[in-house]
Amino acid sequence: KQIRQVLVESEQIRREADDVGPSAE
């Protein structure tokens, strides 16, 4: 259950600021 949660969270869409640069990737 814990591992599934980690996998689900890792696949969620990231919320990032509009002006974030490529180093954030």
PDBML (XML) file of the C-alpha atoms, coordinates in Angstrom:
<?xml version="1.0" encoding="UTF-8" ?>
<PDBx:datablock datablockName="MODEL"
   xmlns:PDBx="http://pdbml.pdb.org/schema/pdbx-v50.xsd"
   xmlns:xsi="http://www.w3.org/2001/XMLSchema-instance"
   xsi:schemaLocation="http://pdbml.pdb.org/schema/pdbx-v50.xsd pdbx-v50.xsd">
   <PDBx:atom_siteCategory>
      <PDBx:atom_site id="1">
         <PDBx:B_iso_or_equiv>0.00</PDBx:B_iso_or_equiv>
         <PDBx:Cartn_x>0.000</PDBx:Cartn_x>
         <PDBx:Cartn_y>0.000</PDBx:Cartn_y>
         <PDBx:Cartn_z>0.000</PDBx:Cartn_z>
         <PDBx:auth_asym_id>A</PDBx:auth_asym_id>
         <PDBx:auth_atom_id>CA</PDBx:auth_atom_id>
         <PDBx:auth_comp_id>LYS</PDBx:auth_comp_id>
         <PDBx:auth_seq_id>1</PDBx:auth_seq_id>
         <PDBx:group_PDB>ATOM</PDBx:group_PDB>
         <PDBx:label_alt_id xsi:nil="true" />
         <PDBx:label_asym_id>A</PDBx:label_asym_id>
         <PDBx:label_atom_id>CA</PDBx:label_atom_id>
         <PDBx:label_comp_id>LYS</PDBx:label_comp_id>
         <PDBx:label_entity_id>1</PDBx:label_entity_id>
         <PDBx:label_seq_id>1</PDBx:label_seq_id>
         <PDBx:occupancy>1.00</PDBx:occupancy>
         <PDBx:pdbx_PDB_model_num>1</PDBx:pdbx_PDB_model_num>
         <PDBx:type_symbol>C</PDBx:type_symbol>
      </PDBx:atom_site>
      <PDBx:atom_site id="2">
         <PDBx:B_iso_or_equiv>0.00</PDBx:B_iso_or_equiv>
         <PDBx:Cartn_x>2.809</PDBx:Cartn_x>
         <PDBx:Cartn_y>2.431</PDBx:Cartn_y>
         <PDBx:Cartn_z>0.891</PDBx:Cartn_z>
         <PDBx:auth_asym_id>A</PDBx:auth_asym_id>
         <PDBx:auth_atom_id>CA</PDBx:auth_atom_id>
         <PDBx:auth_comp_id>GLN</PDBx:auth_comp_id>
         <PDBx:auth_seq_id>2</PDBx:auth_seq_id>
         <PDBx:group_PDB>ATOM</PDBx:group_PDB>
         <PDBx:label_alt_id xsi:nil="true" />
         <PDBx:label_asym_id>A</PDBx:label_asym_id>
         <PDBx:label_atom_id>CA</PDBx:label_atom_id>
         <PDBx:label_comp_id>GLN</PDBx:label_comp_id>
         <PDBx:label_entity_id>1</PDBx:label_entity_id>
         <PDBx:label_seq_id>2</PDBx:label_seq_id>
         <PDBx:occupancy>1.00</PDBx:occupancy>
         <PDBx:pdbx_PDB_model_num>1</PDBx:pdbx_PDB_model_num>
         <PDBx:type_symbol>C</PDBx:type_symbol>
      </PDBx:atom_site>
      <PDBx:atom_site id="3">
         <PDBx:B_iso_or_equiv>0.00</PDBx:B_iso_or_equiv>
         <PDBx:Cartn_x>4.753</PDBx:Cartn_x>
         <PDBx:Cartn_y>1.681</PDBx:Cartn_y>
         <PDBx:Cartn_z>-2.290</PDBx:Cartn_z>
         <PDBx:auth_asym_id>A</PDBx:auth_asym_id>
         <PDBx:auth_atom_id>CA</PDBx:auth_atom_id>
         <PDBx:auth_comp_id>ILE</PDBx:auth_comp_id>
         <PDBx:auth_seq_id>3</PDBx:auth_seq_id>
         <PDBx:group_PDB>ATOM</PDBx:group_PDB>
         <PDBx:label_alt_id xsi:nil="true" />
         <PDBx:label_asym_id>A</PDBx:label_asym_id>
         <PDBx:label_atom_id>CA</PDBx:label_atom_id>
         <PDBx:label_comp_id>ILE</PDBx:label_comp_id>
         <PDBx:label_entity_id>1</PDBx:label_entity_id>
         <PDBx:label_seq_id>3</PDBx:label_seq_id>
         <PDBx:occupancy>1.00</PDBx:occupancy>
         <PDBx:pdbx_PDB_model_num>1</PDBx:pdbx_PDB_model_num>
         <PDBx:type_symbol>C</PDBx:type_symbol>
      </PDBx:atom_site>
      <PDBx:atom_site id="4">
         <PDBx:B_iso_or_equiv>0.00</PDBx:B_iso_or_equiv>
         <PDBx:Cartn_x>1.620</PDBx:Cartn_x>
         <PDBx:Cartn_y>2.101</PDBx:Cartn_y>
         <PDBx:Cartn_z>-4.415</PDBx:Cartn_z>
         <PDBx:auth_asym_id>A</PDBx:auth_asym_id>
         <PDBx:auth_atom_id>CA</PDBx:auth_atom_id>
         <PDBx:auth_comp_id>ARG</PDBx:auth_comp_id>
         <PDBx:auth_seq_id>4</PDBx:auth_seq_id>
         <PDBx:group_PDB>ATOM</PDBx:group_PDB>
         <PDBx:label_alt_id xsi:nil="true" />
         <PDBx:label_asym_id>A</PDBx:label_asym_id>
         <PDBx:label_atom_id>CA</PDBx:label_atom_id>
         <PDBx:label_comp_id>ARG</PDBx:label_comp_id>
         <PDBx:label_entity_id>1</PDBx:label_entity_id>
         <PDBx:label_seq_id>4</PDBx:label_seq_id>
         <PDBx:occupancy>1.00</PDBx:occupancy>
         <PDBx:pdbx_PDB_model_num>1</PDBx:pdbx_PDB_model_num>
         <PDBx:type_symbol>C</PDBx:type_symbol>
      </PDBx:atom_site>
      <PDBx:atom_site id="5">
         <PDBx:B_iso_or_equiv>0.00</PDBx:B_iso_or_equiv>
         <PDBx:Cartn_x>1.116</PDBx:Cartn_x>
         <PDBx:Cartn_y>5.500</PDBx:Cartn_y>
         <PDBx:Cartn_z>-2.807</PDBx:Cartn_z>
         <PDBx:auth_asym_id>A</PDBx:auth_asym_id>
         <PDBx:auth_atom_id>CA</PDBx:auth_atom_id>
         <PDBx:auth_comp_id>GLN</PDBx:auth_comp_id>
         <PDBx:auth_seq_id>5</PDBx:auth_seq_id>
         <PDBx:group_PDB>ATOM</PDBx:group_PDB>
         <PDBx:label_alt_id xsi:nil="true" />
         <PDBx:label_asym_id>A</PDBx:label_asym_id>
         <PDBx:label_atom_id>CA</PDBx:label_atom_id>
         <PDBx:label_comp_id>GLN</PDBx:label_comp_id>
         <PDBx:label_entity_id>1</PDBx:label_entity_id>
         <PDBx:label_seq_id>5</PDBx:label_seq_id>
         <PDBx:occupancy>1.00</PDBx:occupancy>
         <PDBx:pdbx_PDB_model_num>1</PDBx:pdbx_PDB_model_num>
         <PDBx:type_symbol>C</PDBx:type_symbol>
      </PDBx:atom_site>
      <PDBx:atom_site id="6">
         <PDBx:B_iso_or_equiv>0.00</PDBx:B_iso_or_equiv>
         <PDBx:Cartn_x>4.682</PDBx:Cartn_x>
         <PDBx:Cartn_y>6.527</PDBx:Cartn_y>
         <PDBx:Cartn_z>-3.681</PDBx:Cartn_z>
         <PDBx:auth_asym_id>A</PDBx:auth_asym_id>
         <PDBx:auth_atom_id>CA</PDBx:auth_atom_id>
         <PDBx:auth_comp_id>VAL</PDBx:auth_comp_id>
         <PDBx:auth_seq_id>6</PDBx:auth_seq_id>
         <PDBx:group_PDB>ATOM</PDBx:group_PDB>
         <PDBx:label_alt_id xsi:nil="true" />
         <PDBx:label_asym_id>A</PDBx:label_asym_id>
         <PDBx:label_atom_id>CA</PDBx:label_atom_id>
         <PDBx:label_comp_id>VAL</PDBx:label_comp_id>
         <PDBx:label_entity_id>1</PDBx:label_entity_id>
         <PDBx:label_seq_id>6</PDBx:label_seq_id>
         <PDBx:occupancy>1.00</PDBx:occupancy>
         <PDBx:pdbx_PDB_model_num>1</PDBx:pdbx_PDB_model_num>
         <PDBx:type_symbol>C</PDBx:type_symbol>
      </PDBx:atom_site>
      <PDBx:atom_site id="7">
         <PDBx:B_iso_or_equiv>0.00</PDBx:B_iso_or_equiv>
         <PDBx:Cartn_x>4.165</PDBx:Cartn_x>
         <PDBx:Cartn_y>5.401</PDBx:Cartn_y>
         <PDBx:Cartn_z>-7.282</PDBx:Cartn_z>
         <PDBx:auth_asym_id>A</PDBx:auth_asym_id>
         <PDBx:auth_atom_id>CA</PDBx:auth_atom_id>
         <PDBx:auth_comp_id>LEU</PDBx:auth_comp_id>
         <PDBx:auth_seq_id>7</PDBx:auth_seq_id>
         <PDBx:group_PDB>ATOM</PDBx:group_PDB>
         <PDBx:label_alt_id xsi:nil="true" />
         <PDBx:label_asym_id>A</PDBx:label_asym_id>
         <PDBx:label_atom_id>CA</PDBx:label_atom_id>
         <PDBx:label_comp_id>LEU</PDBx:label_comp_id>
         <PDBx:label_entity_id>1</PDBx:label_entity_id>
         <PDBx:label_seq_id>7</PDBx:label_seq_id>
         <PDBx:occupancy>1.00</PDBx:occupancy>
         <PDBx:pdbx_PDB_model_num>1</PDBx:pdbx_PDB_model_num>
         <PDBx:type_symbol>C</PDBx:type_symbol>
      </PDBx:atom_site>
      <PDBx:atom_site id="8">
         <PDBx:B_iso_or_equiv>0.00</PDBx:B_iso_or_equiv>
         <PDBx:Cartn_x>0.839</PDBx:Cartn_x>
         <PDBx:Cartn_y>7.243</PDBx:Cartn_y>
         <PDBx:Cartn_z>-7.584</PDBx:Cartn_z>
         <PDBx:auth_asym_id>A</PDBx:auth_asym_id>
         <PDBx:auth_atom_id>CA</PDBx:auth_atom_id>
         <PDBx:auth_comp_id>VAL</PDBx:auth_comp_id>
         <PDBx:auth_seq_id>8</PDBx:auth_seq_id>
         <PDBx:group_PDB>ATOM</PDBx:group_PDB>
         <PDBx:label_alt_id xsi:nil="true" />
         <PDBx:label_asym_id>A</PDBx:label_asym_id>
         <PDBx:label_atom_id>CA</PDBx:label_atom_id>
         <PDBx:label_comp_id>VAL</PDBx:label_comp_id>
         <PDBx:label_entity_id>1</PDBx:label_entity_id>
         <PDBx:label_seq_id>8</PDBx:label_seq_id>
         <PDBx:occupancy>1.00</PDBx:occupancy>
         <PDBx:pdbx_PDB_model_num>1</PDBx:pdbx_PDB_model_num>
         <PDBx:type_symbol>C</PDBx:type_symbol>
      </PDBx:atom_site>
      <PDBx:atom_site id="9">
         <PDBx:B_iso_or_equiv>0.00</PDBx:B_iso_or_equiv>
         <PDBx:Cartn_x>2.325</PDBx:Cartn_x>
         <PDBx:Cartn_y>10.437</PDBx:Cartn_y>
         <PDBx:Cartn_z>-6.163</PDBx:Cartn_z>
         <PDBx:auth_asym_id>A</PDBx:auth_asym_id>
         <PDBx:auth_atom_id>CA</PDBx:auth_atom_id>
         <PDBx:auth_comp_id>GLU</PDBx:auth_comp_id>
         <PDBx:auth_seq_id>9</PDBx:auth_seq_id>
         <PDBx:group_PDB>ATOM</PDBx:group_PDB>
         <PDBx:label_alt_id xsi:nil="true" />
         <PDBx:label_asym_id>A</PDBx:label_asym_id>
         <PDBx:label_atom_id>CA</PDBx:label_atom_id>
         <PDBx:label_comp_id>GLU</PDBx:label_comp_id>
         <PDBx:label_entity_id>1</PDBx:label_entity_id>
         <PDBx:label_seq_id>9</PDBx:label_seq_id>
         <PDBx:occupancy>1.00</PDBx:occupancy>
         <PDBx:pdbx_PDB_model_num>1</PDBx:pdbx_PDB_model_num>
         <PDBx:type_symbol>C</PDBx:type_symbol>
      </PDBx:atom_site>
      <PDBx:atom_site id="10">
         <PDBx:B_iso_or_equiv>0.00</PDBx:B_iso_or_equiv>
         <PDBx:Cartn_x>5.305</PDBx:Cartn_x>
         <PDBx:Cartn_y>10.217</PDBx:Cartn_y>
         <PDBx:Cartn_z>-8.503</PDBx:Cartn_z>
         <PDBx:auth_asym_id>A</PDBx:auth_asym_id>
         <PDBx:auth_atom_id>CA</PDBx:auth_atom_id>
         <PDBx:auth_comp_id>SER</PDBx:auth_comp_id>
         <PDBx:auth_seq_id>10</PDBx:auth_seq_id>
         <PDBx:group_PDB>ATOM</PDBx:group_PDB>
         <PDBx:label_alt_id xsi:nil="true" />
         <PDBx:label_asym_id>A</PDBx:label_asym_id>
         <PDBx:label_atom_id>CA</PDBx:label_atom_id>
         <PDBx:label_comp_id>SER</PDBx:label_comp_id>
         <PDBx:label_entity_id>1</PDBx:label_entity_id>
         <PDBx:label_seq_id>10</PDBx:label_seq_id>
         <PDBx:occupancy>1.00</PDBx:occupancy>
         <PDBx:pdbx_PDB_model_num>1</PDBx:pdbx_PDB_model_num>
         <PDBx:type_symbol>C</PDBx:type_symbol>
      </PDBx:atom_site>
      <PDBx:atom_site id="11">
         <PDBx:B_iso_or_equiv>0.00</PDBx:B_iso_or_equiv>
         <PDBx:Cartn_x>2.994</PDBx:Cartn_x>
         <PDBx:Cartn_y>10.088</PDBx:Cartn_y>
         <PDBx:Cartn_z>-11.524</PDBx:Cartn_z>
         <PDBx:auth_asym_id>A</PDBx:auth_asym_id>
         <PDBx:auth_atom_id>CA</PDBx:auth_atom_id>
         <PDBx:auth_comp_id>GLU</PDBx:auth_comp_id>
         <PDBx:auth_seq_id>11</PDBx:auth_seq_id>
         <PDBx:group_PDB>ATOM</PDBx:group_PDB>
         <PDBx:label_alt_id xsi:nil="true" />
         <PDBx:label_asym_id>A</PDBx:label_asym_id>
         <PDBx:label_atom_id>CA</PDBx:label_atom_id>
         <PDBx:label_comp_id>GLU</PDBx:label_comp_id>
         <PDBx:label_entity_id>1</PDBx:label_entity_id>
         <PDBx:label_seq_id>11</PDBx:label_seq_id>
         <PDBx:occupancy>1.00</PDBx:occupancy>
         <PDBx:pdbx_PDB_model_num>1</PDBx:pdbx_PDB_model_num>
         <PDBx:type_symbol>C</PDBx:type_symbol>
      </PDBx:atom_site>
      <PDBx:atom_site id="12">
         <PDBx:B_iso_or_equiv>0.00</PDBx:B_iso_or_equiv>
         <PDBx:Cartn_x>0.908</PDBx:Cartn_x>
         <PDBx:Cartn_y>13.100</PDBx:Cartn_y>
         <PDBx:Cartn_z>-10.525</PDBx:Cartn_z>
         <PDBx:auth_asym_id>A</PDBx:auth_asym_id>
         <PDBx:auth_atom_id>CA</PDBx:auth_atom_id>
         <PDBx:auth_comp_id>GLN</PDBx:auth_comp_id>
         <PDBx:auth_seq_id>12</PDBx:auth_seq_id>
         <PDBx:group_PDB>ATOM</PDBx:group_PDB>
         <PDBx:label_alt_id xsi:nil="true" />
         <PDBx:label_asym_id>A</PDBx:label_asym_id>
         <PDBx:label_atom_id>CA</PDBx:label_atom_id>
         <PDBx:label_comp_id>GLN</PDBx:label_comp_id>
         <PDBx:label_entity_id>1</PDBx:label_entity_id>
         <PDBx:label_seq_id>12</PDBx:label_seq_id>
         <PDBx:occupancy>1.00</PDBx:occupancy>
         <PDBx:pdbx_PDB_model_num>1</PDBx:pdbx_PDB_model_num>
         <PDBx:type_symbol>C</PDBx:type_symbol>
      </PDBx:atom_site>
      <PDBx:atom_site id="13">
         <PDBx:B_iso_or_equiv>0.00</PDBx:B_iso_or_equiv>
         <PDBx:Cartn_x>1.229</PDBx:Cartn_x>
         <PDBx:Cartn_y>16.294</PDBx:Cartn_y>
         <PDBx:Cartn_z>-12.531</PDBx:Cartn_z>
         <PDBx:auth_asym_id>A</PDBx:auth_asym_id>
         <PDBx:auth_atom_id>CA</PDBx:auth_atom_id>
         <PDBx:auth_comp_id>ILE</PDBx:auth_comp_id>
         <PDBx:auth_seq_id>13</PDBx:auth_seq_id>
         <PDBx:group_PDB>ATOM</PDBx:group_PDB>
         <PDBx:label_alt_id xsi:nil="true" />
         <PDBx:label_asym_id>A</PDBx:label_asym_id>
         <PDBx:label_atom_id>CA</PDBx:label_atom_id>
         <PDBx:label_comp_id>ILE</PDBx:label_comp_id>
         <PDBx:label_entity_id>1</PDBx:label_entity_id>
         <PDBx:label_seq_id>13</PDBx:label_seq_id>
         <PDBx:occupancy>1.00</PDBx:occupancy>
         <PDBx:pdbx_PDB_model_num>1</PDBx:pdbx_PDB_model_num>
         <PDBx:type_symbol>C</PDBx:type_symbol>
      </PDBx:atom_site>
      <PDBx:atom_site id="14">
         <PDBx:B_iso_or_equiv>0.00</PDBx:B_iso_or_equiv>
         <PDBx:Cartn_x>3.808</PDBx:Cartn_x>
         <PDBx:Cartn_y>18.625</PDBx:Cartn_y>
         <PDBx:Cartn_z>-11.057</PDBx:Cartn_z>
         <PDBx:auth_asym_id>A</PDBx:auth_asym_id>
         <PDBx:auth_atom_id>CA</PDBx:auth_atom_id>
         <PDBx:auth_comp_id>ARG</PDBx:auth_comp_id>
         <PDBx:auth_seq_id>14</PDBx:auth_seq_id>
         <PDBx:group_PDB>ATOM</PDBx:group_PDB>
         <PDBx:label_alt_id xsi:nil="true" />
         <PDBx:label_asym_id>A</PDBx:label_asym_id>
         <PDBx:label_atom_id>CA</PDBx:label_atom_id>
         <PDBx:label_comp_id>ARG</PDBx:label_comp_id>
         <PDBx:label_entity_id>1</PDBx:label_entity_id>
         <PDBx:label_seq_id>14</PDBx:label_seq_id>
         <PDBx:occupancy>1.00</PDBx:occupancy>
         <PDBx:pdbx_PDB_model_num>1</PDBx:pdbx_PDB_model_num>
         <PDBx:type_symbol>C</PDBx:type_symbol>
      </PDBx:atom_site>
      <PDBx:atom_site id="15">
         <PDBx:B_iso_or_equiv>0.00</PDBx:B_iso_or_equiv>
         <PDBx:Cartn_x>2.767</PDBx:Cartn_x>
         <PDBx:Cartn_y>22.080</PDBx:Cartn_y>
         <PDBx:Cartn_z>-9.959</PDBx:Cartn_z>
         <PDBx:auth_asym_id>A</PDBx:auth_asym_id>
         <PDBx:auth_atom_id>CA</PDBx:auth_atom_id>
         <PDBx:auth_comp_id>ARG</PDBx:auth_comp_id>
         <PDBx:auth_seq_id>15</PDBx:auth_seq_id>
         <PDBx:group_PDB>ATOM</PDBx:group_PDB>
         <PDBx:label_alt_id xsi:nil="true" />
         <PDBx:label_asym_id>A</PDBx:label_asym_id>
         <PDBx:label_atom_id>CA</PDBx:label_atom_id>
         <PDBx:label_comp_id>ARG</PDBx:label_comp_id>
         <PDBx:label_entity_id>1</PDBx:label_entity_id>
         <PDBx:label_seq_id>15</PDBx:label_seq_id>
         <PDBx:occupancy>1.00</PDBx:occupancy>
         <PDBx:pdbx_PDB_model_num>1</PDBx:pdbx_PDB_model_num>
         <PDBx:type_symbol>C</PDBx:type_symbol>
      </PDBx:atom_site>
      <PDBx:atom_site id="16">
         <PDBx:B_iso_or_equiv>0.00</PDBx:B_iso_or_equiv>
         <PDBx:Cartn_x>5.477</PDBx:Cartn_x>
         <PDBx:Cartn_y>24.566</PDBx:Cartn_y>
         <PDBx:Cartn_z>-10.837</PDBx:Cartn_z>
         <PDBx:auth_asym_id>A</PDBx:auth_asym_id>
         <PDBx:auth_atom_id>CA</PDBx:auth_atom_id>
         <PDBx:auth_comp_id>GLU</PDBx:auth_comp_id>
         <PDBx:auth_seq_id>16</PDBx:auth_seq_id>
         <PDBx:group_PDB>ATOM</PDBx:group_PDB>
         <PDBx:label_alt_id xsi:nil="true" />
         <PDBx:label_asym_id>A</PDBx:label_asym_id>
         <PDBx:label_atom_id>CA</PDBx:label_atom_id>
         <PDBx:label_comp_id>GLU</PDBx:label_comp_id>
         <PDBx:label_entity_id>1</PDBx:label_entity_id>
         <PDBx:label_seq_id>16</PDBx:label_seq_id>
         <PDBx:occupancy>1.00</PDBx:occupancy>
         <PDBx:pdbx_PDB_model_num>1</PDBx:pdbx_PDB_model_num>
         <PDBx:type_symbol>C</PDBx:type_symbol>
      </PDBx:atom_site>
      <PDBx:atom_site id="17">
         <PDBx:B_iso_or_equiv>0.00</PDBx:B_iso_or_equiv>
         <PDBx:Cartn_x>5.745</PDBx:Cartn_x>
         <PDBx:Cartn_y>28.321</PDBx:Cartn_y>
         <PDBx:Cartn_z>-11.030</PDBx:Cartn_z>
         <PDBx:auth_asym_id>A</PDBx:auth_asym_id>
         <PDBx:auth_atom_id>CA</PDBx:auth_atom_id>
         <PDBx:auth_comp_id>ALA</PDBx:auth_comp_id>
         <PDBx:auth_seq_id>17</PDBx:auth_seq_id>
         <PDBx:group_PDB>ATOM</PDBx:group_PDB>
         <PDBx:label_alt_id xsi:nil="true" />
         <PDBx:label_asym_id>A</PDBx:label_asym_id>
         <PDBx:label_atom_id>CA</PDBx:label_atom_id>
         <PDBx:label_comp_id>ALA</PDBx:label_comp_id>
         <PDBx:label_entity_id>1</PDBx:label_entity_id>
         <PDBx:label_seq_id>17</PDBx:label_seq_id>
         <PDBx:occupancy>1.00</PDBx:occupancy>
         <PDBx:pdbx_PDB_model_num>1</PDBx:pdbx_PDB_model_num>
         <PDBx:type_symbol>C</PDBx:type_symbol>
      </PDBx:atom_site>
      <PDBx:atom_site id="18">
         <PDBx:B_iso_or_equiv>0.00</PDBx:B_iso_or_equiv>
         <PDBx:Cartn_x>5.182</PDBx:Cartn_x>
         <PDBx:Cartn_y>29.790</PDBx:Cartn_y>
         <PDBx:Cartn_z>-14.476</PDBx:Cartn_z>
         <PDBx:auth_asym_id>A</PDBx:auth_asym_id>
         <PDBx:auth_atom_id>CA</PDBx:auth_atom_id>
         <PDBx:auth_comp_id>ASP</PDBx:auth_comp_id>
         <PDBx:auth_seq_id>18</PDBx:auth_seq_id>
         <PDBx:group_PDB>ATOM</PDBx:group_PDB>
         <PDBx:label_alt_id xsi:nil="true" />
         <PDBx:label_asym_id>A</PDBx:label_asym_id>
         <PDBx:label_atom_id>CA</PDBx:label_atom_id>
         <PDBx:label_comp_id>ASP</PDBx:label_comp_id>
         <PDBx:label_entity_id>1</PDBx:label_entity_id>
         <PDBx:label_seq_id>18</PDBx:label_seq_id>
         <PDBx:occupancy>1.00</PDBx:occupancy>
         <PDBx:pdbx_PDB_model_num>1</PDBx:pdbx_PDB_model_num>
         <PDBx:type_symbol>C</PDBx:type_symbol>
      </PDBx:atom_site>
      <PDBx:atom_site id="19">
         <PDBx:B_iso_or_equiv>0.00</PDBx:B_iso_or_equiv>
         <PDBx:Cartn_x>8.712</PDBx:Cartn_x>
         <PDBx:Cartn_y>31.127</PDBx:Cartn_y>
         <PDBx:Cartn_z>-14.691</PDBx:Cartn_z>
         <PDBx:auth_asym_id>A</PDBx:auth_asym_id>
         <PDBx:auth_atom_id>CA</PDBx:auth_atom_id>
         <PDBx:auth_comp_id>ASP</PDBx:auth_comp_id>
         <PDBx:auth_seq_id>19</PDBx:auth_seq_id>
         <PDBx:group_PDB>ATOM</PDBx:group_PDB>
         <PDBx:label_alt_id xsi:nil="true" />
         <PDBx:label_asym_id>A</PDBx:label_asym_id>
         <PDBx:label_atom_id>CA</PDBx:label_atom_id>
         <PDBx:label_comp_id>ASP</PDBx:label_comp_id>
         <PDBx:label_entity_id>1</PDBx:label_entity_id>
         <PDBx:label_seq_id>19</PDBx:label_seq_id>
         <PDBx:occupancy>1.00</PDBx:occupancy>
         <PDBx:pdbx_PDB_model_num>1</PDBx:pdbx_PDB_model_num>
         <PDBx:type_symbol>C</PDBx:type_symbol>
      </PDBx:atom_site>
      <PDBx:atom_site id="20">
         <PDBx:B_iso_or_equiv>0.00</PDBx:B_iso_or_equiv>
         <PDBx:Cartn_x>10.684</PDBx:Cartn_x>
         <PDBx:Cartn_y>28.087</PDBx:Cartn_y>
         <PDBx:Cartn_z>-13.531</PDBx:Cartn_z>
         <PDBx:auth_asym_id>A</PDBx:auth_asym_id>
         <PDBx:auth_atom_id>CA</PDBx:auth_atom_id>
         <PDBx:auth_comp_id>VAL</PDBx:auth_comp_id>
         <PDBx:auth_seq_id>20</PDBx:auth_seq_id>
         <PDBx:group_PDB>ATOM</PDBx:group_PDB>
         <PDBx:label_alt_id xsi:nil="true" />
         <PDBx:label_asym_id>A</PDBx:label_asym_id>
         <PDBx:label_atom_id>CA</PDBx:label_atom_id>
         <PDBx:label_comp_id>VAL</PDBx:label_comp_id>
         <PDBx:label_entity_id>1</PDBx:label_entity_id>
         <PDBx:label_seq_id>20</PDBx:label_seq_id>
         <PDBx:occupancy>1.00</PDBx:occupancy>
         <PDBx:pdbx_PDB_model_num>1</PDBx:pdbx_PDB_model_num>
         <PDBx:type_symbol>C</PDBx:type_symbol>
      </PDBx:atom_site>
      <PDBx:atom_site id="21">
         <PDBx:B_iso_or_equiv>0.00</PDBx:B_iso_or_equiv>
         <PDBx:Cartn_x>13.825</PDBx:Cartn_x>
         <PDBx:Cartn_y>27.383</PDBx:Cartn_y>
         <PDBx:Cartn_z>-15.569</PDBx:Cartn_z>
         <PDBx:auth_asym_id>A</PDBx:auth_asym_id>
         <PDBx:auth_atom_id>CA</PDBx:auth_atom_id>
         <PDBx:auth_comp_id>GLY</PDBx:auth_comp_id>
         <PDBx:auth_seq_id>21</PDBx:auth_seq_id>
         <PDBx:group_PDB>ATOM</PDBx:group_PDB>
         <PDBx:label_alt_id xsi:nil="true" />
         <PDBx:label_asym_id>A</PDBx:label_asym_id>
         <PDBx:label_atom_id>CA</PDBx:label_atom_id>
         <PDBx:label_comp_id>GLY</PDBx:label_comp_id>
         <PDBx:label_entity_id>1</PDBx:label_entity_id>
         <PDBx:label_seq_id>21</PDBx:label_seq_id>
         <PDBx:occupancy>1.00</PDBx:occupancy>
         <PDBx:pdbx_PDB_model_num>1</PDBx:pdbx_PDB_model_num>
         <PDBx:type_symbol>C</PDBx:type_symbol>
      </PDBx:atom_site>
      <PDBx:atom_site id="22">
         <PDBx:B_iso_or_equiv>0.00</PDBx:B_iso_or_equiv>
         <PDBx:Cartn_x>15.289</PDBx:Cartn_x>
         <PDBx:Cartn_y>24.162</PDBx:Cartn_y>
         <PDBx:Cartn_z>-16.976</PDBx:Cartn_z>
         <PDBx:auth_asym_id>A</PDBx:auth_asym_id>
         <PDBx:auth_atom_id>CA</PDBx:auth_atom_id>
         <PDBx:auth_comp_id>PRO</PDBx:auth_comp_id>
         <PDBx:auth_seq_id>22</PDBx:auth_seq_id>
         <PDBx:group_PDB>ATOM</PDBx:group_PDB>
         <PDBx:label_alt_id xsi:nil="true" />
         <PDBx:label_asym_id>A</PDBx:label_asym_id>
         <PDBx:label_atom_id>CA</PDBx:label_atom_id>
         <PDBx:label_comp_id>PRO</PDBx:label_comp_id>
         <PDBx:label_entity_id>1</PDBx:label_entity_id>
         <PDBx:label_seq_id>22</PDBx:label_seq_id>
         <PDBx:occupancy>1.00</PDBx:occupancy>
         <PDBx:pdbx_PDB_model_num>1</PDBx:pdbx_PDB_model_num>
         <PDBx:type_symbol>C</PDBx:type_symbol>
      </PDBx:atom_site>
      <PDBx:atom_site id="23">
         <PDBx:B_iso_or_equiv>0.00</PDBx:B_iso_or_equiv>
         <PDBx:Cartn_x>17.477</PDBx:Cartn_x>
         <PDBx:Cartn_y>23.455</PDBx:Cartn_y>
         <PDBx:Cartn_z>-13.959</PDBx:Cartn_z>
         <PDBx:auth_asym_id>A</PDBx:auth_asym_id>
         <PDBx:auth_atom_id>CA</PDBx:auth_atom_id>
         <PDBx:auth_comp_id>SER</PDBx:auth_comp_id>
         <PDBx:auth_seq_id>23</PDBx:auth_seq_id>
         <PDBx:group_PDB>ATOM</PDBx:group_PDB>
         <PDBx:label_alt_id xsi:nil="true" />
         <PDBx:label_asym_id>A</PDBx:label_asym_id>
         <PDBx:label_atom_id>CA</PDBx:label_atom_id>
         <PDBx:label_comp_id>SER</PDBx:label_comp_id>
         <PDBx:label_entity_id>1</PDBx:label_entity_id>
         <PDBx:label_seq_id>23</PDBx:label_seq_id>
         <PDBx:occupancy>1.00</PDBx:occupancy>
         <PDBx:pdbx_PDB_model_num>1</PDBx:pdbx_PDB_model_num>
         <PDBx:type_symbol>C</PDBx:type_symbol>
      </PDBx:atom_site>
      <PDBx:atom_site id="24">
         <PDBx:B_iso_or_equiv>0.00</PDBx:B_iso_or_equiv>
         <PDBx:Cartn_x>14.239</PDBx:Cartn_x>
         <PDBx:Cartn_y>22.688</PDBx:Cartn_y>
         <PDBx:Cartn_z>-12.083</PDBx:Cartn_z>
         <PDBx:auth_asym_id>A</PDBx:auth_asym_id>
         <PDBx:auth_atom_id>CA</PDBx:auth_atom_id>
         <PDBx:auth_comp_id>ALA</PDBx:auth_comp_id>
         <PDBx:auth_seq_id>24</PDBx:auth_seq_id>
         <PDBx:group_PDB>ATOM</PDBx:group_PDB>
         <PDBx:label_alt_id xsi:nil="true" />
         <PDBx:label_asym_id>A</PDBx:label_asym_id>
         <PDBx:label_atom_id>CA</PDBx:label_atom_id>
         <PDBx:label_comp_id>ALA</PDBx:label_comp_id>
         <PDBx:label_entity_id>1</PDBx:label_entity_id>
         <PDBx:label_seq_id>24</PDBx:label_seq_id>
         <PDBx:occupancy>1.00</PDBx:occupancy>
         <PDBx:pdbx_PDB_model_num>1</PDBx:pdbx_PDB_model_num>
         <PDBx:type_symbol>C</PDBx:type_symbol>
      </PDBx:atom_site>
      <PDBx:atom_site id="25">
         <PDBx:B_iso_or_equiv>0.00</PDBx:B_iso_or_equiv>
         <PDBx:Cartn_x>13.714</PDBx:Cartn_x>
         <PDBx:Cartn_y>19.754</PDBx:Cartn_y>
         <PDBx:Cartn_z>-14.459</PDBx:Cartn_z>
         <PDBx:auth_asym_id>A</PDBx:auth_asym_id>
         <PDBx:auth_atom_id>CA</PDBx:auth_atom_id>
         <PDBx:auth_comp_id>GLU</PDBx:auth_comp_id>
         <PDBx:auth_seq_id>25</PDBx:auth_seq_id>
         <PDBx:group_PDB>ATOM</PDBx:group_PDB>
         <PDBx:label_alt_id xsi:nil="true" />
         <PDBx:label_asym_id>A</PDBx:label_asym_id>
         <PDBx:label_atom_id>CA</PDBx:label_atom_id>
         <PDBx:label_comp_id>GLU</PDBx:label_comp_id>
         <PDBx:label_entity_id>1</PDBx:label_entity_id>
         <PDBx:label_seq_id>25</PDBx:label_seq_id>
         <PDBx:occupancy>1.00</PDBx:occupancy>
         <PDBx:pdbx_PDB_model_num>1</PDBx:pdbx_PDB_model_num>
         <PDBx:type_symbol>C</PDBx:type_symbol>
      </PDBx:atom_site>
   </PDBx:atom_siteCategory>
</PDBx:datablock>
